Amino acid sequence: MRVRILRGRDEDEFFDTAERVGPYLTLTRGIAYERENIAWAQLAIRVLERRRRLRDTSADDAAPAFGGTREHQR
């Protein structure tokens, strides 16, 4: 869609010569919004995966193996 709107012009040329710039400005805002959503989702995934790994590691350390006590494991 961006390519179709610009029609071979760079943004500066487009803004200087286009009759209507509103649709393009709306498009660029929408793209920025979705990129931020992606960045946030990637952060959320990293945080949740790290917390899960930490929780799983803590649970493994706390649980006695084969019904024994922790002292038997060490």
PDB file of N, CA and C in Angstrom:
ATOM      1  N   MET A   1       0.819  -1.177   0.000  1.00  0.00           N
ATOM      2  CA  MET A   1       0.000   0.000   0.000  1.00  0.00           C
ATOM      3  C   MET A   1       0.875   1.257   0.000  1.00  0.00           C
ATOM      4  N   ARG A   2       1.947   1.226   0.793  1.00  0.00           N
ATOM      5  CA  ARG A   2       2.855   2.382   0.851  1.00  0.00           C
ATOM      6  C   ARG A   2       3.424   2.696  -0.531  1.00  0.00           C
ATOM      7  N   VAL A   3       3.863   1.657  -1.221  1.00  0.00           N
ATOM      8  CA  VAL A   3       4.433   1.830  -2.565  1.00  0.00           C
ATOM      9  C   VAL A   3       3.396   2.427  -3.506  1.00  0.00           C
ATOM     10  N   ARG A   4       2.176   1.946  -3.393  1.00  0.00           N
ATOM     11  CA  ARG A   4       1.106   2.444  -4.261  1.00  0.00           C
ATOM     12  C   ARG A   4       0.815   3.923  -3.989  1.00  0.00           C
ATOM     13  N   ILE A   5       0.824   4.299  -2.732  1.00  0.00           N
ATOM     14  CA  ILE A   5       0.546   5.700  -2.392  1.00  0.00           C
ATOM     15  C   ILE A   5       1.678   6.614  -2.850  1.00  0.00           C
ATOM     16  N   LEU A   6       2.923   6.202  -2.616  1.00  0.00           N
ATOM     17  CA  LEU A   6       4.064   7.064  -2.963  1.00  0.00           C
ATOM     18  C   LEU A   6       4.290   7.160  -4.468  1.00  0.00           C
ATOM     19  N   ARG A   7       3.951   6.117  -5.209  1.00  0.00           N
ATOM     20  CA  ARG A   7       4.106   6.084  -6.674  1.00  0.00           C
ATOM     21  C   ARG A   7       5.513   6.472  -7.124  1.00  0.00           C
ATOM     22  N   GLY A   8       6.513   5.852  -6.512  1.00  0.00           N
ATOM     23  CA  GLY A   8       7.896   6.064  -6.923  1.00  0.00           C
ATOM     24  C   GLY A   8       8.569   7.282  -6.316  1.00  0.00           C
ATOM     25  N   ARG A   9       7.845   8.072  -5.551  1.00  0.00           N
ATOM     26  CA  ARG A   9       8.435   9.262  -4.933  1.00  0.00           C
ATOM     27  C   ARG A   9       8.947   8.920  -3.539  1.00  0.00           C
ATOM     28  N   ASP A  10       9.958   9.664  -3.079  1.00  0.00           N
ATOM     29  CA  ASP A  10      10.328   9.512  -1.677  1.00  0.00           C
ATOM     30  C   ASP A  10       9.335  10.322  -0.843  1.00  0.00           C
ATOM     31  N   GLU A  11       9.388  10.170   0.468  1.00  0.00           N
ATOM     32  CA  GLU A  11       8.397  10.832   1.313  1.00  0.00           C
ATOM     33  C   GLU A  11       8.423  12.353   1.169  1.00  0.00           C
ATOM     34  N   ASP A  12       9.617  12.938   1.146  1.00  0.00           N
ATOM     35  CA  ASP A  12       9.696  14.400   1.037  1.00  0.00           C
ATOM     36  C   ASP A  12       9.024  14.896  -0.240  1.00  0.00           C
ATOM     37  N   GLU A  13       9.328  14.240  -1.340  1.00  0.00           N
ATOM     38  CA  GLU A  13       8.716  14.638  -2.613  1.00  0.00           C
ATOM     39  C   GLU A  13       7.205  14.441  -2.562  1.00  0.00           C
ATOM     40  N   PHE A  14       6.788  13.327  -1.980  1.00  0.00           N
ATOM     41  CA  PHE A  14       5.357  13.063  -1.856  1.00  0.00           C
ATOM     42  C   PHE A  14       4.670  14.166  -1.054  1.00  0.00           C
ATOM     43  N   PHE A  15       5.234  14.504   0.118  1.00  0.00           N
ATOM     44  CA  PHE A  15       4.622  15.538   0.953  1.00  0.00           C
ATOM     45  C   PHE A  15       4.598  16.902   0.261  1.00  0.00           C
ATOM     46  N   ASP A  16       5.594  17.175  -0.554  1.00  0.00           N
ATOM     47  CA  ASP A  16       5.649  18.460  -1.268  1.00  0.00           C
ATOM     48  C   ASP A  16       4.668  18.537  -2.433  1.00  0.00           C
ATOM     49  N   THR A  17       4.359  17.399  -3.039  1.00  0.00           N
ATOM     50  CA  THR A  17       3.596  17.438  -4.291  1.00  0.00           C
ATOM     51  C   THR A  17       2.224  16.778  -4.245  1.00  0.00           C
ATOM     52  N   ALA A  18       1.971  15.935  -3.283  1.00  0.00           N
ATOM     53  CA  ALA A  18       0.702  15.193  -3.265  1.00  0.00           C
ATOM     54  C   ALA A  18      -0.469  16.112  -2.942  1.00  0.00           C
ATOM     55  N   GLU A  19      -1.575  15.806  -3.565  1.00  0.00           N
ATOM     56  CA  GLU A  19      -2.792  16.576  -3.304  1.00  0.00           C
ATOM     57  C   GLU A  19      -3.360  16.240  -1.928  1.00  0.00           C
ATOM     58  N   ARG A  20      -3.310  14.943  -1.569  1.00  0.00           N
ATOM     59  CA  ARG A  20      -3.843  14.482  -0.277  1.00  0.00           C
ATOM     60  C   ARG A  20      -2.761  13.687   0.451  1.00  0.00           C
ATOM     61  N   VAL A  21      -2.370  14.149   1.617  1.00  0.00           N
ATOM     62  CA  VAL A  21      -1.344  13.435   2.390  1.00  0.00           C
ATOM     63  C   VAL A  21      -1.942  12.690   3.580  1.00  0.00           C
ATOM     64  N   GLY A  22      -3.186  12.958   3.911  1.00  0.00           N
ATOM     65  CA  GLY A  22      -3.830  12.340   5.070  1.00  0.00           C
ATOM     66  C   GLY A  22      -3.805  10.824   5.073  1.00  0.00           C
ATOM     67  N   PRO A  23      -4.197  10.170   3.977  1.00  0.00           N
ATOM     68  CA  PRO A  23      -4.170   8.710   3.978  1.00  0.00           C
ATOM     69  C   PRO A  23      -2.771   8.137   4.236  1.00  0.00           C
ATOM     70  N   TYR A  24      -1.759   8.787   3.682  1.00  0.00           N
ATOM     71  CA  TYR A  24      -0.400   8.292   3.897  1.00  0.00           C
ATOM     72  C   TYR A  24       0.027   8.501   5.350  1.00  0.00           C
ATOM     73  N   LEU A  25      -0.306   9.654   5.909  1.00  0.00           N
ATOM     74  CA  LEU A  25       0.020   9.900   7.313  1.00  0.00           C
ATOM     75  C   LEU A  25      -0.678   8.890   8.219  1.00  0.00           C
ATOM     76  N   THR A  26      -1.923   8.578   7.908  1.00  0.00           N
ATOM     77  CA  THR A  26      -2.660   7.577   8.673  1.00  0.00           C
ATOM     78  C   THR A  26      -1.995   6.211   8.551  1.00  0.00           C
ATOM     79  N   LEU A  27      -1.575   5.866   7.346  1.00  0.00           N
ATOM     80  CA  LEU A  27      -0.890   4.598   7.124  1.00  0.00           C
ATOM     81  C   LEU A  27       0.393   4.516   7.943  1.00  0.00           C
ATOM     82  N   THR A  28       1.206   5.575   7.922  1.00  0.00           N
ATOM     83  CA  THR A  28       2.472   5.535   8.668  1.00  0.00           C
ATOM     84  C   THR A  28       2.220   5.424  10.167  1.00  0.00           C
ATOM     85  N   ARG A  29       1.171   6.070  10.662  1.00  0.00           N
ATOM     86  CA  ARG A  29       0.834   5.946  12.086  1.00  0.00           C
ATOM     87  C   ARG A  29       0.409   4.528  12.408  1.00  0.00           C
ATOM     88  N   GLY A  30      -0.386   3.935  11.544  1.00  0.00           N
ATOM     89  CA  GLY A  30      -0.821   2.557  11.757  1.00  0.00           C
ATOM     90  C   GLY A  30       0.345   1.585  11.766  1.00  0.00           C
ATOM     91  N   ILE A  31       1.295   1.789  10.865  1.00  0.00           N
ATOM     92  CA  ILE A  31       2.485   0.928  10.821  1.00  0.00           C
ATOM     93  C   ILE A  31       3.281   1.071  12.112  1.00  0.00           C
ATOM     94  N   ALA A  32       3.481   2.315  12.568  1.00  0.00           N
ATOM     95  CA  ALA A  32       4.224   2.547  13.815  1.00  0.00           C
ATOM     96  C   ALA A  32       3.508   1.896  15.000  1.00  0.00           C
ATOM     97  N   TYR A  33       2.196   2.005  15.035  1.00  0.00           N
ATOM     98  CA  TYR A  33       1.394   1.403  16.104  1.00  0.00           C
ATOM     99  C   TYR A  33       1.576  -0.114  16.129  1.00  0.00           C
ATOM    100  N   GLU A  34       1.495  -0.741  14.980  1.00  0.00           N
ATOM    101  CA  GLU A  34       1.633  -2.201  14.919  1.00  0.00           C
ATOM    102  C   GLU A  34       3.053  -2.642  15.251  1.00  0.00           C
ATOM    103  N   ARG A  35       4.051  -1.870  14.850  1.00  0.00           N
ATOM    104  CA  ARG A  35       5.436  -2.202  15.218  1.00  0.00           C
ATOM    105  C   ARG A  35       5.613  -2.148  16.728  1.00  0.00           C
ATOM    106  N   GLU A  36       5.019  -1.156  17.365  1.00  0.00           N
ATOM    107  CA  GLU A  36       5.093  -1.059  18.825  1.00  0.00           C
ATOM    108  C   GLU A  36       4.381  -2.236  19.474  1.00  0.00           C
ATOM    109  N   ASN A  37       3.245  -2.650  18.922  1.00  0.00           N
ATOM    110  CA  ASN A  37       2.556  -3.837  19.448  1.00  0.00           C
ATOM    111  C   ASN A  37       3.445  -5.069  19.350  1.00  0.00           C
ATOM    112  N   ILE A  38       4.133  -5.218  18.237  1.00  0.00           N
ATOM    113  CA  ILE A  38       5.043  -6.354  18.057  1.00  0.00           C
ATOM    114  C   ILE A  38       6.166  -6.297  19.077  1.00  0.00           C
ATOM    115  N   ALA A  39       6.764  -5.122  19.269  1.00  0.00           N
ATOM    116  CA  ALA A  39       7.852  -4.974  20.241  1.00  0.00           C
ATOM    117  C   ALA A  39       7.364  -5.315  21.644  1.00  0.00           C
ATOM    118  N   TRP A  40       6.167  -4.860  22.006  1.00  0.00           N
ATOM    119  CA  TRP A  40       5.618  -5.159  23.319  1.00  0.00           C
ATOM    120  C   TRP A  40       5.373  -6.664  23.473  1.00  0.00           C
ATOM    121  N   ALA A  41       4.817  -7.280  22.454  1.00  0.00           N
ATOM    122  CA  ALA A  41       4.542  -8.716  22.513  1.00  0.00           C
ATOM    123  C   ALA A  41       5.836  -9.510  22.654  1.00  0.00           C
ATOM    124  N   GLN A  42       6.885  -9.101  21.947  1.00  0.00           N
ATOM    125  CA  GLN A  42       8.174  -9.783  22.066  1.00  0.00           C
ATOM    126  C   GLN A  42       8.739  -9.633  23.470  1.00  0.00           C
ATOM    127  N   LEU A  43       8.605  -8.450  24.062  1.00  0.00           N
ATOM    128  CA  LEU A  43       9.040  -8.244  25.442  1.00  0.00           C
ATOM    129  C   LEU A  43       8.247  -9.137  26.387  1.00  0.00           C
ATOM    130  N   ALA A  44       6.938  -9.172  26.228  1.00  0.00           N
ATOM    131  CA  ALA A  44       6.095  -9.998  27.089  1.00  0.00           C
ATOM    132  C   ALA A  44       6.485 -11.469  26.985  1.00  0.00           C
ATOM    133  N   ILE A  45       6.750 -11.949  25.791  1.00  0.00           N
ATOM    134  CA  ILE A  45       7.169 -13.341  25.599  1.00  0.00           C
ATOM    135  C   ILE A  45       8.480 -13.606  26.324  1.00  0.00           C
ATOM    136  N   ARG A  46       9.467 -12.707  26.163  1.00  0.00           N
ATOM    137  CA  ARG A  46      10.760 -12.891  26.835  1.00  0.00           C
ATOM    138  C   ARG A  46      10.596 -12.935  28.352  1.00  0.00           C
ATOM    139  N   VAL A  47       9.812 -12.017  28.891  1.00  0.00           N
ATOM    140  CA  VAL A  47       9.613 -11.964  30.342  1.00  0.00           C
ATOM    141  C   VAL A  47       8.921 -13.226  30.832  1.00  0.00           C
ATOM    142  N   LEU A  48       7.849 -13.624  30.169  1.00  0.00           N
ATOM    143  CA  LEU A  48       7.099 -14.801  30.608  1.00  0.00           C
ATOM    144  C   LEU A  48       7.916 -16.080  30.467  1.00  0.00           C
ATOM    145  N   GLU A  49       8.690 -16.205  29.389  1.00  0.00           N
ATOM    146  CA  GLU A  49       9.530 -17.394  29.229  1.00  0.00           C
ATOM    147  C   GLU A  49      10.610 -17.442  30.305  1.00  0.00           C
ATOM    148  N   ARG A  50      11.209 -16.291  30.606  1.00  0.00           N
ATOM    149  CA  ARG A  50      12.234 -16.248  31.654  1.00  0.00           C
ATOM    150  C   ARG A  50      11.631 -16.626  33.008  1.00  0.00           C
ATOM    151  N   ARG A  51      10.464 -16.084  33.327  1.00  0.00           N
ATOM    152  CA  ARG A  51       9.808 -16.414  34.598  1.00  0.00           C
ATOM    153  C   ARG A  51       9.455 -17.897  34.661  1.00  0.00           C
ATOM    154  N   ARG A  52       9.013 -18.464  33.547  1.00  0.00           N
ATOM    155  CA  ARG A  52       8.687 -19.891  33.538  1.00  0.00           C
ATOM    156  C   ARG A  52       9.932 -20.733  33.777  1.00  0.00           C
ATOM    157  N   ARG A  53      11.038 -20.356  33.104  1.00  0.00           N
ATOM    158  CA  ARG A  53      12.288 -21.102  33.307  1.00  0.00           C
ATOM    159  C   ARG A  53      12.748 -21.009  34.755  1.00  0.00           C
ATOM    160  N   LEU A  54      12.671 -19.829  35.333  1.00  0.00           N
ATOM    161  CA  LEU A  54      13.071 -19.661  36.731  1.00  0.00           C
ATOM    162  C   LEU A  54      12.174 -20.467  37.659  1.00  0.00           C
ATOM    163  N   ARG A  55      10.876 -20.449  37.406  1.00  0.00           N
ATOM    164  CA  ARG A  55       9.936 -21.208  38.222  1.00  0.00           C
ATOM    165  C   ARG A  55      10.195 -22.708  38.084  1.00  0.00           C
ATOM    166  N   ASP A  56      10.405 -23.163  36.844  1.00  0.00           N
ATOM    167  CA  ASP A  56      10.662 -24.585  36.617  1.00  0.00           C
ATOM    168  C   ASP A  56      11.957 -25.017  37.285  1.00  0.00           C
ATOM    169  N   THR A  57      12.982 -24.185  37.224  1.00  0.00           N
ATOM    170  CA  THR A  57      14.260 -24.490  37.865  1.00  0.00           C
ATOM    171  C   THR A  57      14.095 -24.546  39.372  1.00  0.00           C
ATOM    172  N   SER A  58      13.357 -23.599  39.940  1.00  0.00           N
ATOM    173  CA  SER A  58      13.119 -23.581  41.383  1.00  0.00           C
ATOM    174  C   SER A  58      12.323 -24.804  41.805  1.00  0.00           C
ATOM    175  N   ALA A  59      11.342 -25.185  41.029  1.00  0.00           N
ATOM    176  CA  ALA A  59      10.527 -26.356  41.352  1.00  0.00           C
ATOM    177  C   ALA A  59      11.368 -27.622  41.285  1.00  0.00           C
ATOM    178  N   ASP A  60      12.268 -27.712  40.307  1.00  0.00           N
ATOM    179  CA  ASP A  60      13.137 -28.883  40.192  1.00  0.00           C
ATOM    180  C   ASP A  60      14.072 -28.979  41.386  1.00  0.00           C
ATOM    181  N   ASP A  61      14.597 -27.852  41.848  1.00  0.00           N
ATOM    182  CA  ASP A  61      15.511 -27.839  42.991  1.00  0.00           C
ATOM    183  C   ASP A  61      14.793 -28.178  44.286  1.00  0.00           C
ATOM    184  N   ALA A  62      13.522 -27.821  44.406  1.00  0.00           N
ATOM    185  CA  ALA A  62      12.779 -28.006  45.646  1.00  0.00           C
ATOM    186  C   ALA A  62      12.180 -29.401  45.769  1.00  0.00           C
ATOM    187  N   ALA A  63      11.931 -30.077  44.674  1.00  0.00           N
ATOM    188  CA  ALA A  63      11.242 -31.370  44.714  1.00  0.00           C
ATOM    189  C   ALA A  63      12.233 -32.506  44.936  1.00  0.00           C
ATOM    190  N   PRO A  64      11.989 -33.327  45.947  1.00  0.00           N
ATOM    191  CA  PRO A  64      12.855 -34.495  46.146  1.00  0.00           C
ATOM    192  C   PRO A  64      12.631 -35.530  45.042  1.00  0.00           C
ATOM    193  N   ALA A  65      13.698 -36.164  44.626  1.00  0.00           N
ATOM    194  CA  ALA A  65      13.607 -37.179  43.573  1.00  0.00           C
ATOM    195  C   ALA A  65      13.274 -38.530  44.180  1.00  0.00           C
ATOM    196  N   PHE A  66      12.431 -39.280  43.535  1.00  0.00           N
ATOM    197  CA  PHE A  66      12.088 -40.652  43.910  1.00  0.00           C
ATOM    198  C   PHE A  66      11.666 -40.771  45.369  1.00  0.00           C
ATOM    199  N   GLY A  67      10.985 -39.770  45.869  1.00  0.00           N
ATOM    200  CA  GLY A  67      10.451 -39.843  47.219  1.00  0.00           C
ATOM    201  C   GLY A  67      11.491 -39.633  48.308  1.00  0.00           C
ATOM    202  N   GLY A  68      12.729 -39.377  47.934  1.00  0.00           N
ATOM    203  CA  GLY A  68      13.758 -39.138  48.946  1.00  0.00           C
ATOM    204  C   GLY A  68      13.716 -37.717  49.455  1.00  0.00           C
ATOM    205  N   THR A  69      14.575 -37.434  50.396  1.00  0.00           N
ATOM    206  CA  THR A  69      14.659 -36.073  50.917  1.00  0.00           C
ATOM    207  C   THR A  69      15.691 -35.301  50.128  1.00  0.00           C
ATOM    208  N   ARG A  70      15.721 -34.011  50.354  1.00  0.00           N
ATOM    209  CA  ARG A  70      16.711 -33.189  49.661  1.00  0.00           C
ATOM    210  C   ARG A  70      18.126 -33.580  50.062  1.00  0.00           C
ATOM    211  N   GLU A  71      18.317 -33.956  51.307  1.00  0.00           N
ATOM    212  CA  GLU A  71      19.660 -34.342  51.754  1.00  0.00           C
ATOM    213  C   GLU A  71      20.175 -35.555  50.978  1.00  0.00           C
ATOM    214  N   HIS A  72      19.279 -36.477  50.622  1.00  0.00           N
ATOM    215  CA  HIS A  72      19.690 -37.655  49.859  1.00  0.00           C
ATOM    216  C   HIS A  72      20.104 -37.304  48.444  1.00  0.00           C
ATOM    217  N   GLN A  73      19.612 -36.200  47.946  1.00  0.00           N
ATOM    218  CA  GLN A  73      19.940 -35.804  46.582  1.00  0.00           C
ATOM    219  C   GLN A  73      21.305 -35.154  46.503  1.00  0.00           C
ATOM    220  N   ARG A  74      21.806 -34.633  47.594  1.00  0.00           N
ATOM    221  CA  ARG A  74      23.054 -33.850  47.546  1.00  0.00           C
ATOM    222  C   ARG A  74      24.255 -34.674  47.797  1.00  0.00           C
TER     223      ARG A  74
END
